[in-house]
Amino acid sequence: MTATAKPRPAHGTSARGYGSPGRWPRCNCTPCRKARNRHQKQSRINRELGRSPFTSPTRAQIHLRLLHETMSWDSLEAATGVWFSNLIAIYNGQRTKIRHETEAKILAVAIPTHGDPGQLVDVTGSMRRLQALSAIGHSYATLSAEAGTSPNRIVSIANGRQPTIRRDLARRIIAAYERLRSTPPAVNKHTARTRNVASNKGWRDPQWWEDYGHIEDPTFDPTTADRVLNFHERAALRREEIEHLAWCGHTPEQIVDRLNGEVSISTVRQVVQEWRTGQKRERKQVAA
């Protein structure tokens, strides 16, 4: 967030008329006195009618969080005309009430269709794309040239040293990934070394991510995705497959054929029956 000096309000506004402690003094010119008197009169009327100058911050907070998905704090402060510190307090739920004017300023900002280039976004997808390109031999120098940034920044992102990056850089990394993932790197002394470093670090190549997906998902753990499943895990996956095929209208015989005979017909029939009735059989039978 860049600290910028907020300009003084114009003459004839209540903000200029009242002044701001530590920022600008109270103004006593004729337009500012009239604005101050008008504000005080309206405040008296509101009190007599039971109108509060404050409202719940809930609507503003919800809208602010939607805006922050695509807008940086600099852009939000400029678009709303609300101080950064106040926006942060509303966003984090630290305000129990806000002025109607503040709510109106926040709600008046439309949600952009495209993200703010300068906004900080999660680095996961960018990090994995750089790792994948390194795994097939593309050097940091090549990646930095393709993404339009410095080699040091590429090293930092690929090795997970920073949690966020600017949206415009993330877009450039995506574009570089799409260009290079199917393009073999030039064979030179750096290619084999780059592949070896990536292999030692356990980085997956583009084909691996193509098969598994979830390249943008920070909750997805690639280190456990391709491990050997135990008996119970395999059984649970088989049950899900059988139930899905039954839901699609396949008969038990067709399901066995689709699973290449890896499950017996009796097991398939039992799983289908349990799926249809919603009742699982008792696996442990008491001896008579």
C-alpha atoms as a PDB file:
ATOM      1  CA  MET A   1       0.000   0.000   0.000  1.00  0.00           C
ATOM      2  CA  THR A   2       1.481   3.325  -1.055  1.00  0.00           C
ATOM      3  CA  ALA A   3       1.034   6.147   1.464  1.00  0.00           C
ATOM      4  CA  THR A   4      -0.300   9.252  -0.262  1.00  0.00           C
ATOM      5  CA  ALA A   5      -1.307  12.611   1.190  1.00  0.00           C
ATOM      6  CA  LYS A   6      -5.050  13.038   0.977  1.00  0.00           C
ATOM      7  CA  PRO A   7      -5.992  16.449  -0.482  1.00  0.00           C
ATOM      8  CA  ARG A   8      -8.044  18.866   1.608  1.00  0.00           C
ATOM      9  CA  PRO A   9     -11.801  18.890   0.992  1.00  0.00           C
ATOM     10  CA  ALA A  10     -13.159  21.766  -1.046  1.00  0.00           C
ATOM     11  CA  HIS A  11     -14.452  24.949   0.586  1.00  0.00           C
ATOM     12  CA  GLY A  12     -18.154  24.758   1.279  1.00  0.00           C
ATOM     13  CA  THR A  13     -18.042  21.180   2.587  1.00  0.00           C
ATOM     14  CA  SER A  14     -18.635  20.165   6.189  1.00  0.00           C
ATOM     15  CA  ALA A  15     -15.318  18.276   6.212  1.00  0.00           C
ATOM     16  CA  ARG A  16     -13.417  21.492   5.440  1.00  0.00           C
ATOM     17  CA  GLY A  17     -15.630  23.455   7.793  1.00  0.00           C
ATOM     18  CA  TYR A  18     -14.951  21.179  10.782  1.00  0.00           C
ATOM     19  CA  GLY A  19     -11.295  20.553   9.923  1.00  0.00           C
ATOM     20  CA  SER A  20      -9.327  17.419  10.735  1.00  0.00           C
ATOM     21  CA  PRO A  21      -7.078  17.208  13.831  1.00  0.00           C
ATOM     22  CA  GLY A  22      -3.464  16.864  12.780  1.00  0.00           C
ATOM     23  CA  ARG A  23      -4.279  17.267   9.080  1.00  0.00           C
ATOM     24  CA  TRP A  24      -5.873  20.637   8.391  1.00  0.00           C
ATOM     25  CA  PRO A  25      -7.417  23.375  10.619  1.00  0.00           C
ATOM     26  CA  ARG A  26     -11.068  24.342  10.870  1.00  0.00           C
ATOM     27  CA  CYS A  27     -12.039  26.801   8.146  1.00  0.00           C
ATOM     28  CA  ASN A  28     -14.186  29.836   8.983  1.00  0.00           C
ATOM     29  CA  CYS A  29     -14.804  31.196   5.503  1.00  0.00           C
ATOM     30  CA  THR A  30     -18.454  31.945   4.642  1.00  0.00           C
ATOM     31  CA  PRO A  31     -19.099  28.798   2.516  1.00  0.00           C
ATOM     32  CA  CYS A  32     -17.541  26.532   5.169  1.00  0.00           C
ATOM     33  CA  ARG A  33     -19.523  28.185   8.018  1.00  0.00           C
ATOM     34  CA  LYS A  34     -22.743  27.651   6.065  1.00  0.00           C
ATOM     35  CA  ALA A  35     -21.832  24.010   5.413  1.00  0.00           C
ATOM     36  CA  ARG A  36     -21.037  23.493   9.111  1.00  0.00           C
ATOM     37  CA  ASN A  37     -24.299  25.122  10.219  1.00  0.00           C
ATOM     38  CA  ARG A  38     -26.266  23.131   7.677  1.00  0.00           C
ATOM     39  CA  HIS A  39     -24.706  19.886   8.953  1.00  0.00           C
ATOM     40  CA  GLN A  40     -25.428  20.764  12.592  1.00  0.00           C
ATOM     41  CA  LYS A  41     -29.056  21.608  11.766  1.00  0.00           C
ATOM     42  CA  GLN A  42     -29.503  18.323   9.903  1.00  0.00           C
ATOM     43  CA  SER A  43     -27.939  16.458  12.822  1.00  0.00           C
ATOM     44  CA  ARG A  44     -30.446  18.045  15.252  1.00  0.00           C
ATOM     45  CA  ILE A  45     -33.349  17.090  12.983  1.00  0.00           C
ATOM     46  CA  ASN A  46     -32.073  13.514  12.692  1.00  0.00           C
ATOM     47  CA  ARG A  47     -31.760  13.209  16.465  1.00  0.00           C
ATOM     48  CA  GLU A  48     -35.289  14.522  17.002  1.00  0.00           C
ATOM     49  CA  LEU A  49     -36.652  12.063  14.441  1.00  0.00           C
ATOM     50  CA  GLY A  50     -34.635   9.193  15.855  1.00  0.00           C
ATOM     51  CA  ARG A  51     -32.493   8.814  12.740  1.00  0.00           C
ATOM     52  CA  SER A  52     -29.008   7.465  13.385  1.00  0.00           C
ATOM     53  CA  PRO A  53     -26.113   8.721  11.266  1.00  0.00           C
ATOM     54  CA  PHE A  54     -24.646   5.225  11.512  1.00  0.00           C
ATOM     55  CA  THR A  55     -25.540   1.850  10.041  1.00  0.00           C
ATOM     56  CA  SER A  56     -24.338  -1.745  10.243  1.00  0.00           C
ATOM     57  CA  PRO A  57     -21.095  -2.386   8.311  1.00  0.00           C
ATOM     58  CA  THR A  58     -22.274  -5.817   7.098  1.00  0.00           C
ATOM     59  CA  ARG A  59     -23.340  -4.831   3.564  1.00  0.00           C
ATOM     60  CA  ALA A  60     -20.244  -2.698   3.057  1.00  0.00           C
ATOM     61  CA  GLN A  61     -17.983  -5.465   4.379  1.00  0.00           C
ATOM     62  CA  ILE A  62     -19.478  -8.105   2.056  1.00  0.00           C
ATOM     63  CA  HIS A  63     -19.163  -5.820  -0.964  1.00  0.00           C
ATOM     64  CA  LEU A  64     -15.658  -4.765   0.027  1.00  0.00           C
ATOM     65  CA  ARG A  65     -14.520  -8.382   0.193  1.00  0.00           C
ATOM     66  CA  LEU A  66     -15.950  -9.022  -3.268  1.00  0.00           C
ATOM     67  CA  LEU A  67     -14.165  -5.939  -4.589  1.00  0.00           C
ATOM     68  CA  HIS A  68     -10.853  -6.965  -3.011  1.00  0.00           C
ATOM     69  CA  GLU A  69     -10.892 -10.232  -4.967  1.00  0.00           C
ATOM     70  CA  THR A  70     -10.064  -8.198  -8.075  1.00  0.00           C
ATOM     71  CA  MET A  71      -8.898  -4.801  -6.766  1.00  0.00           C
ATOM     72  CA  SER A  72      -5.834  -3.722  -4.796  1.00  0.00           C
ATOM     73  CA  TRP A  73      -6.109  -1.500  -1.714  1.00  0.00           C
ATOM     74  CA  ASP A  74      -4.658   1.426  -3.669  1.00  0.00           C
ATOM     75  CA  SER A  75      -7.417   1.065  -6.264  1.00  0.00           C
ATOM     76  CA  LEU A  76     -10.088   0.646  -3.592  1.00  0.00           C
ATOM     77  CA  GLU A  77      -9.033   3.776  -1.729  1.00  0.00           C
ATOM     78  CA  ALA A  78      -9.067   5.787  -4.961  1.00  0.00           C
ATOM     79  CA  ALA A  79     -12.418   4.371  -6.125  1.00  0.00           C
ATOM     80  CA  THR A  80     -14.282   4.791  -2.814  1.00  0.00           C
ATOM     81  CA  GLY A  81     -12.677   7.947  -1.463  1.00  0.00           C
ATOM     82  CA  VAL A  82     -12.459   6.198   1.938  1.00  0.00           C
ATOM     83  CA  TRP A  83      -9.217   6.154   3.922  1.00  0.00           C
ATOM     84  CA  PHE A  84      -7.184   2.931   3.616  1.00  0.00           C
ATOM     85  CA  SER A  85      -7.166   2.394   7.396  1.00  0.00           C
ATOM     86  CA  ASN A  86     -10.963   2.659   7.475  1.00  0.00           C
ATOM     87  CA  LEU A  87     -11.337   0.184   4.593  1.00  0.00           C
ATOM     88  CA  ILE A  88      -9.070  -2.299   6.359  1.00  0.00           C
ATOM     89  CA  ALA A  89     -11.035  -1.964   9.607  1.00  0.00           C
ATOM     90  CA  ILE A  90     -14.343  -2.578   7.802  1.00  0.00           C
ATOM     91  CA  TYR A  91     -12.868  -5.490   5.822  1.00  0.00           C
ATOM     92  CA  ASN A  92     -11.559  -7.191   8.980  1.00  0.00           C
ATOM     93  CA  GLY A  93     -14.786  -6.672  10.923  1.00  0.00           C
ATOM     94  CA  GLN A  94     -13.273  -4.178  13.359  1.00  0.00           C
ATOM     95  CA  ARG A  95     -16.106  -1.679  12.922  1.00  0.00           C
ATOM     96  CA  THR A  96     -19.429  -2.181  14.703  1.00  0.00           C
ATOM     97  CA  LYS A  97     -20.994   0.733  12.833  1.00  0.00           C
ATOM     98  CA  ILE A  98     -20.128   3.025   9.931  1.00  0.00           C
ATOM     99  CA  ARG A  99     -21.630   6.214   8.515  1.00  0.00           C
ATOM    100  CA  HIS A 100     -24.269   5.990   5.822  1.00  0.00           C
ATOM    101  CA  GLU A 101     -22.018   8.035   3.537  1.00  0.00           C
ATOM    102  CA  THR A 102     -19.184   5.530   3.929  1.00  0.00           C
ATOM    103  CA  GLU A 103     -21.490   2.628   3.118  1.00  0.00           C
ATOM    104  CA  ALA A 104     -22.815   4.455   0.055  1.00  0.00           C
ATOM    105  CA  LYS A 105     -19.284   5.153  -1.233  1.00  0.00           C
ATOM    106  CA  ILE A 106     -18.296   1.481  -0.956  1.00  0.00           C
ATOM    107  CA  LEU A 107     -21.508   0.091  -2.439  1.00  0.00           C
ATOM    108  CA  ALA A 108     -21.275   2.536  -5.364  1.00  0.00           C
ATOM    109  CA  VAL A 109     -18.118   0.834  -6.678  1.00  0.00           C
ATOM    110  CA  ALA A 110     -18.957  -1.805  -9.284  1.00  0.00           C
ATOM    111  CA  ILE A 111     -17.106  -5.132  -9.218  1.00  0.00           C
ATOM    112  CA  PRO A 112     -14.589  -5.116 -12.113  1.00  0.00           C
ATOM    113  CA  THR A 113     -14.786  -7.834 -14.749  1.00  0.00           C
ATOM    114  CA  HIS A 114     -10.974  -8.023 -14.877  1.00  0.00           C
ATOM    115  CA  GLY A 115      -8.632  -8.141 -11.927  1.00  0.00           C
ATOM    116  CA  ASP A 116      -6.440  -5.195 -10.987  1.00  0.00           C
ATOM    117  CA  PRO A 117      -2.944  -5.828 -12.454  1.00  0.00           C
ATOM    118  CA  GLY A 118      -1.280  -4.568  -9.295  1.00  0.00           C
ATOM    119  CA  GLN A 119      -3.259  -6.704  -6.855  1.00  0.00           C
ATOM    120  CA  LEU A 120      -1.399  -9.321  -4.822  1.00  0.00           C
ATOM    121  CA  VAL A 121      -2.635 -12.866  -5.519  1.00  0.00           C
ATOM    122  CA  ASP A 122      -1.715 -16.326  -4.207  1.00  0.00           C
ATOM    123  CA  VAL A 123       1.560 -17.591  -5.679  1.00  0.00           C
ATOM    124  CA  THR A 124       0.681 -21.310  -5.806  1.00  0.00           C
ATOM    125  CA  GLY A 125      -0.253 -21.576  -9.493  1.00  0.00           C
ATOM    126  CA  SER A 126       2.687 -19.459 -10.648  1.00  0.00           C
ATOM    127  CA  MET A 127       5.143 -21.396  -8.473  1.00  0.00           C
ATOM    128  CA  ARG A 128       3.974 -24.779  -9.796  1.00  0.00           C
ATOM    129  CA  ARG A 129       4.086 -23.617 -13.422  1.00  0.00           C
ATOM    130  CA  LEU A 130       7.685 -22.442 -13.063  1.00  0.00           C
ATOM    131  CA  GLN A 131       8.606 -25.688 -11.315  1.00  0.00           C
ATOM    132  CA  ALA A 132       6.967 -27.727 -14.090  1.00  0.00           C
ATOM    133  CA  LEU A 133       8.857 -25.859 -16.817  1.00  0.00           C
ATOM    134  CA  SER A 134      12.101 -26.351 -14.889  1.00  0.00           C
ATOM    135  CA  ALA A 135      11.333 -30.064 -14.645  1.00  0.00           C
ATOM    136  CA  ILE A 136      11.497 -30.369 -18.443  1.00  0.00           C
ATOM    137  CA  GLY A 137      14.724 -28.370 -18.642  1.00  0.00           C
ATOM    138  CA  HIS A 138      13.795 -24.700 -19.150  1.00  0.00           C
ATOM    139  CA  SER A 139      16.353 -22.573 -17.311  1.00  0.00           C
ATOM    140  CA  TYR A 140      15.600 -19.694 -14.979  1.00  0.00           C
ATOM    141  CA  ALA A 141      17.098 -17.342 -17.568  1.00  0.00           C
ATOM    142  CA  THR A 142      14.646 -18.579 -20.198  1.00  0.00           C
ATOM    143  CA  LEU A 143      11.717 -18.330 -17.806  1.00  0.00           C
ATOM    144  CA  SER A 144      12.617 -14.808 -16.723  1.00  0.00           C
ATOM    145  CA  ALA A 145      12.864 -13.672 -20.343  1.00  0.00           C
ATOM    146  CA  GLU A 146       9.513 -15.259 -21.224  1.00  0.00           C
ATOM    147  CA  ALA A 147       7.746 -13.835 -18.154  1.00  0.00           C
ATOM    148  CA  GLY A 148       9.327 -10.404 -18.437  1.00  0.00           C
ATOM    149  CA  THR A 149      10.867 -10.310 -14.975  1.00  0.00           C
ATOM    150  CA  SER A 150      14.256 -10.800 -13.318  1.00  0.00           C
ATOM    151  CA  PRO A 151      15.923 -14.226 -12.816  1.00  0.00           C
ATOM    152  CA  ASN A 152      16.069 -13.533  -9.073  1.00  0.00           C
ATOM    153  CA  ARG A 153      12.292 -13.086  -8.978  1.00  0.00           C
ATOM    154  CA  ILE A 154      11.801 -16.364 -10.893  1.00  0.00           C
ATOM    155  CA  VAL A 155      14.090 -18.172  -8.420  1.00  0.00           C
ATOM    156  CA  SER A 156      12.185 -16.695  -5.481  1.00  0.00           C
ATOM    157  CA  ILE A 157       8.776 -17.710  -6.869  1.00  0.00           C
ATOM    158  CA  ALA A 158       9.797 -21.191  -8.038  1.00  0.00           C
ATOM    159  CA  ASN A 159      11.335 -22.028  -4.661  1.00  0.00           C
ATOM    160  CA  GLY A 160       8.314 -20.846  -2.674  1.00  0.00           C
ATOM    161  CA  ARG A 161      10.023 -17.925  -0.977  1.00  0.00           C
ATOM    162  CA  GLN A 162       7.107 -15.513  -1.338  1.00  0.00           C
ATOM    163  CA  PRO A 163       3.410 -16.178  -0.658  1.00  0.00           C
ATOM    164  CA  THR A 164       1.967 -13.670  -3.143  1.00  0.00           C
ATOM    165  CA  ILE A 165       2.808 -11.966  -6.436  1.00  0.00           C
ATOM    166  CA  ARG A 166       1.255  -9.192  -8.517  1.00  0.00           C
ATOM    167  CA  ARG A 167      -1.599 -10.280 -10.743  1.00  0.00           C
ATOM    168  CA  ASP A 168       0.055  -8.950 -13.908  1.00  0.00           C
ATOM    169  CA  LEU A 169       3.160 -11.086 -13.254  1.00  0.00           C
ATOM    170  CA  ALA A 170       0.980 -14.131 -12.578  1.00  0.00           C
ATOM    171  CA  ARG A 171      -0.690 -13.578 -15.956  1.00  0.00           C
ATOM    172  CA  ARG A 172       2.684 -13.345 -17.699  1.00  0.00           C
ATOM    173  CA  ILE A 173       3.814 -16.586 -16.055  1.00  0.00           C
ATOM    174  CA  ILE A 174       0.625 -18.330 -17.221  1.00  0.00           C
ATOM    175  CA  ALA A 175       1.259 -17.097 -20.772  1.00  0.00           C
ATOM    176  CA  ALA A 176       4.892 -18.287 -20.626  1.00  0.00           C
ATOM    177  CA  TYR A 177       3.744 -21.674 -19.327  1.00  0.00           C
ATOM    178  CA  GLU A 178       1.275 -22.104 -22.187  1.00  0.00           C
ATOM    179  CA  ARG A 179       4.015 -21.256 -24.707  1.00  0.00           C
ATOM    180  CA  LEU A 180       6.751 -23.458 -23.230  1.00  0.00           C
ATOM    181  CA  ARG A 181       5.047 -26.501 -21.717  1.00  0.00           C
ATOM    182  CA  SER A 182       4.966 -28.336 -25.064  1.00  0.00           C
ATOM    183  CA  THR A 183       8.220 -26.853 -26.364  1.00  0.00           C
ATOM    184  CA  PRO A 184      11.432 -28.824 -25.653  1.00  0.00           C
ATOM    185  CA  PRO A 185      14.202 -26.586 -24.292  1.00  0.00           C
ATOM    186  CA  ALA A 186      17.351 -25.957 -26.289  1.00  0.00           C
ATOM    187  CA  VAL A 187      19.875 -28.664 -25.441  1.00  0.00           C
ATOM    188  CA  ASN A 188      22.876 -27.132 -23.707  1.00  0.00           C
ATOM    189  CA  LYS A 189      24.910 -27.457 -20.520  1.00  0.00           C
ATOM    190  CA  HIS A 190      22.110 -25.893 -18.464  1.00  0.00           C
ATOM    191  CA  THR A 191      19.298 -28.232 -19.589  1.00  0.00           C
ATOM    192  CA  ALA A 192      20.400 -31.407 -17.805  1.00  0.00           C
ATOM    193  CA  ARG A 193      21.401 -29.472 -14.692  1.00  0.00           C
ATOM    194  CA  THR A 194      18.009 -27.764 -14.534  1.00  0.00           C
ATOM    195  CA  ARG A 195      16.211 -31.114 -14.861  1.00  0.00           C
ATOM    196  CA  ASN A 196      18.379 -32.698 -12.155  1.00  0.00           C
ATOM    197  CA  VAL A 197      17.766 -29.839  -9.718  1.00  0.00           C
ATOM    198  CA  ALA A 198      14.002 -30.042 -10.344  1.00  0.00           C
ATOM    199  CA  SER A 199      14.029 -33.837  -9.957  1.00  0.00           C
ATOM    200  CA  ASN A 200      15.931 -33.645  -6.658  1.00  0.00           C
ATOM    201  CA  LYS A 201      13.330 -31.167  -5.372  1.00  0.00           C
ATOM    202  CA  GLY A 202      10.433 -33.388  -6.458  1.00  0.00           C
ATOM    203  CA  TRP A 203       8.988 -30.901  -8.932  1.00  0.00           C
ATOM    204  CA  ARG A 204       6.325 -32.295 -11.295  1.00  0.00           C
ATOM    205  CA  ASP A 205       6.411 -31.721 -15.042  1.00  0.00           C
ATOM    206  CA  PRO A 206       3.561 -30.198 -17.130  1.00  0.00           C
ATOM    207  CA  GLN A 207       2.209 -33.623 -18.144  1.00  0.00           C
ATOM    208  CA  TRP A 208       1.862 -34.629 -14.496  1.00  0.00           C
ATOM    209  CA  TRP A 209      -0.176 -31.503 -13.773  1.00  0.00           C
ATOM    210  CA  GLU A 210      -2.212 -32.119 -16.914  1.00  0.00           C
ATOM    211  CA  ASP A 211      -3.141 -35.564 -15.572  1.00  0.00           C
ATOM    212  CA  TYR A 212      -3.855 -34.553 -11.987  1.00  0.00           C
ATOM    213  CA  GLY A 213      -5.105 -30.963 -12.367  1.00  0.00           C
ATOM    214  CA  HIS A 214      -5.386 -28.716  -9.259  1.00  0.00           C
ATOM    215  CA  ILE A 215      -2.369 -26.637 -10.307  1.00  0.00           C
ATOM    216  CA  GLU A 216      -3.965 -23.518  -8.755  1.00  0.00           C
ATOM    217  CA  ASP A 217      -5.263 -25.278  -5.617  1.00  0.00           C
ATOM    218  CA  PRO A 218      -3.082 -24.504  -2.565  1.00  0.00           C
ATOM    219  CA  THR A 219      -4.802 -27.286  -0.571  1.00  0.00           C
ATOM    220  CA  PHE A 220      -3.757 -29.954  -3.099  1.00  0.00           C
ATOM    221  CA  ASP A 221      -0.599 -31.819  -2.031  1.00  0.00           C
ATOM    222  CA  PRO A 222       1.291 -33.286  -5.022  1.00  0.00           C
ATOM    223  CA  THR A 223       3.602 -35.289  -2.733  1.00  0.00           C
ATOM    224  CA  THR A 224       0.743 -37.576  -1.695  1.00  0.00           C
ATOM    225  CA  ALA A 225      -1.336 -37.528  -4.880  1.00  0.00           C
ATOM    226  CA  ASP A 226       0.467 -40.392  -6.638  1.00  0.00           C
ATOM    227  CA  ARG A 227       1.333 -42.592  -3.661  1.00  0.00           C
ATOM    228  CA  VAL A 228       0.198 -46.235  -3.606  1.00  0.00           C
ATOM    229  CA  LEU A 229      -3.251 -46.556  -2.071  1.00  0.00           C
ATOM    230  CA  ASN A 230      -3.878 -49.057   0.698  1.00  0.00           C
ATOM    231  CA  PHE A 231      -6.630 -51.704   0.611  1.00  0.00           C
ATOM    232  CA  HIS A 232      -9.297 -49.571   2.276  1.00  0.00           C
ATOM    233  CA  GLU A 233      -8.587 -46.555   0.058  1.00  0.00           C
ATOM    234  CA  ARG A 234      -8.790 -48.683  -3.085  1.00  0.00           C
ATOM    235  CA  ALA A 235     -12.056 -50.216  -1.857  1.00  0.00           C
ATOM    236  CA  ALA A 236     -13.531 -46.770  -1.198  1.00  0.00           C
ATOM    237  CA  LEU A 237     -12.600 -45.598  -4.711  1.00  0.00           C
ATOM    238  CA  ARG A 238     -14.113 -48.741  -6.243  1.00  0.00           C
ATOM    239  CA  ARG A 239     -17.320 -48.195  -4.307  1.00  0.00           C
ATOM    240  CA  GLU A 240     -17.525 -44.617  -5.604  1.00  0.00           C
ATOM    241  CA  GLU A 241     -16.989 -45.849  -9.179  1.00  0.00           C
ATOM    242  CA  ILE A 242     -19.674 -48.530  -8.841  1.00  0.00           C
ATOM    243  CA  GLU A 243     -22.198 -46.112  -7.314  1.00  0.00           C
ATOM    244  CA  HIS A 244     -21.504 -43.553 -10.042  1.00  0.00           C
ATOM    245  CA  LEU A 245     -21.993 -46.139 -12.814  1.00  0.00           C
ATOM    246  CA  ALA A 246     -25.185 -47.368 -11.152  1.00  0.00           C
ATOM    247  CA  TRP A 247     -26.438 -43.785 -10.955  1.00  0.00           C
ATOM    248  CA  CYS A 248     -25.754 -43.494 -14.698  1.00  0.00           C
ATOM    249  CA  GLY A 249     -28.090 -46.463 -15.288  1.00  0.00           C
ATOM    250  CA  HIS A 250     -25.619 -49.322 -15.824  1.00  0.00           C
ATOM    251  CA  THR A 251     -26.562 -52.837 -14.715  1.00  0.00           C
ATOM    252  CA  PRO A 252     -24.232 -54.816 -12.380  1.00  0.00           C
ATOM    253  CA  GLU A 253     -23.092 -56.906 -15.355  1.00  0.00           C
ATOM    254  CA  GLN A 254     -22.233 -53.773 -17.346  1.00  0.00           C
ATOM    255  CA  ILE A 255     -20.410 -52.304 -14.359  1.00  0.00           C
ATOM    256  CA  VAL A 256     -18.242 -55.434 -14.020  1.00  0.00           C
ATOM    257  CA  ASP A 257     -17.407 -55.155 -17.714  1.00  0.00           C
ATOM    258  CA  ARG A 258     -16.548 -51.431 -17.366  1.00  0.00           C
ATOM    259  CA  LEU A 259     -14.205 -52.264 -14.467  1.00  0.00           C
ATOM    260  CA  ASN A 260     -12.477 -54.971 -16.554  1.00  0.00           C
ATOM    261  CA  GLY A 261     -13.549 -57.719 -14.169  1.00  0.00           C
ATOM    262  CA  GLU A 262     -11.437 -56.331 -11.303  1.00  0.00           C
ATOM    263  CA  VAL A 263     -14.458 -56.639  -8.960  1.00  0.00           C
ATOM    264  CA  SER A 264     -16.675 -59.705  -8.644  1.00  0.00           C
ATOM    265  CA  ILE A 265     -20.294 -59.599  -9.781  1.00  0.00           C
ATOM    266  CA  SER A 266     -21.483 -60.447  -6.259  1.00  0.00           C
ATOM    267  CA  THR A 267     -19.612 -57.456  -4.799  1.00  0.00           C
ATOM    268  CA  VAL A 268     -20.986 -55.122  -7.460  1.00  0.00           C
ATOM    269  CA  ARG A 269     -24.550 -56.344  -6.849  1.00  0.00           C
ATOM    270  CA  GLN A 270     -24.156 -55.858  -3.117  1.00  0.00           C
ATOM    271  CA  VAL A 271     -22.780 -52.293  -3.512  1.00  0.00           C
ATOM    272  CA  VAL A 272     -25.577 -51.401  -5.946  1.00  0.00           C
ATOM    273  CA  GLN A 273     -28.175 -52.797  -3.558  1.00  0.00           C
ATOM    274  CA  GLU A 274     -26.744 -50.810  -0.639  1.00  0.00           C
ATOM    275  CA  TRP A 275     -26.663 -47.662  -2.792  1.00  0.00           C
ATOM    276  CA  ARG A 276     -30.294 -48.092  -3.812  1.00  0.00           C
ATOM    277  CA  THR A 277     -31.620 -48.846  -0.320  1.00  0.00           C
ATOM    278  CA  GLY A 278     -29.253 -46.574   1.597  1.00  0.00           C
ATOM    279  CA  GLN A 279     -28.521 -49.413   4.031  1.00  0.00           C
ATOM    280  CA  LYS A 280     -25.155 -51.132   4.294  1.00  0.00           C
ATOM    281  CA  ARG A 281     -24.962 -54.807   5.155  1.00  0.00           C
ATOM    282  CA  GLU A 282     -23.396 -55.976   8.404  1.00  0.00           C
ATOM    283  CA  ARG A 283     -19.907 -57.157   7.465  1.00  0.00           C
ATOM    284  CA  LYS A 284     -19.282 -59.092  10.685  1.00  0.00           C
ATOM    285  CA  GLN A 285     -21.685 -61.971  11.113  1.00  0.00           C
ATOM    286  CA  VAL A 286     -22.057 -63.576  14.518  1.00  0.00           C
ATOM    287  CA  ALA A 287     -21.430 -67.313  14.327  1.00  0.00           C
ATOM    288  CA  ALA A 288     -24.537 -69.387  15.009  1.00  0.00           C
END
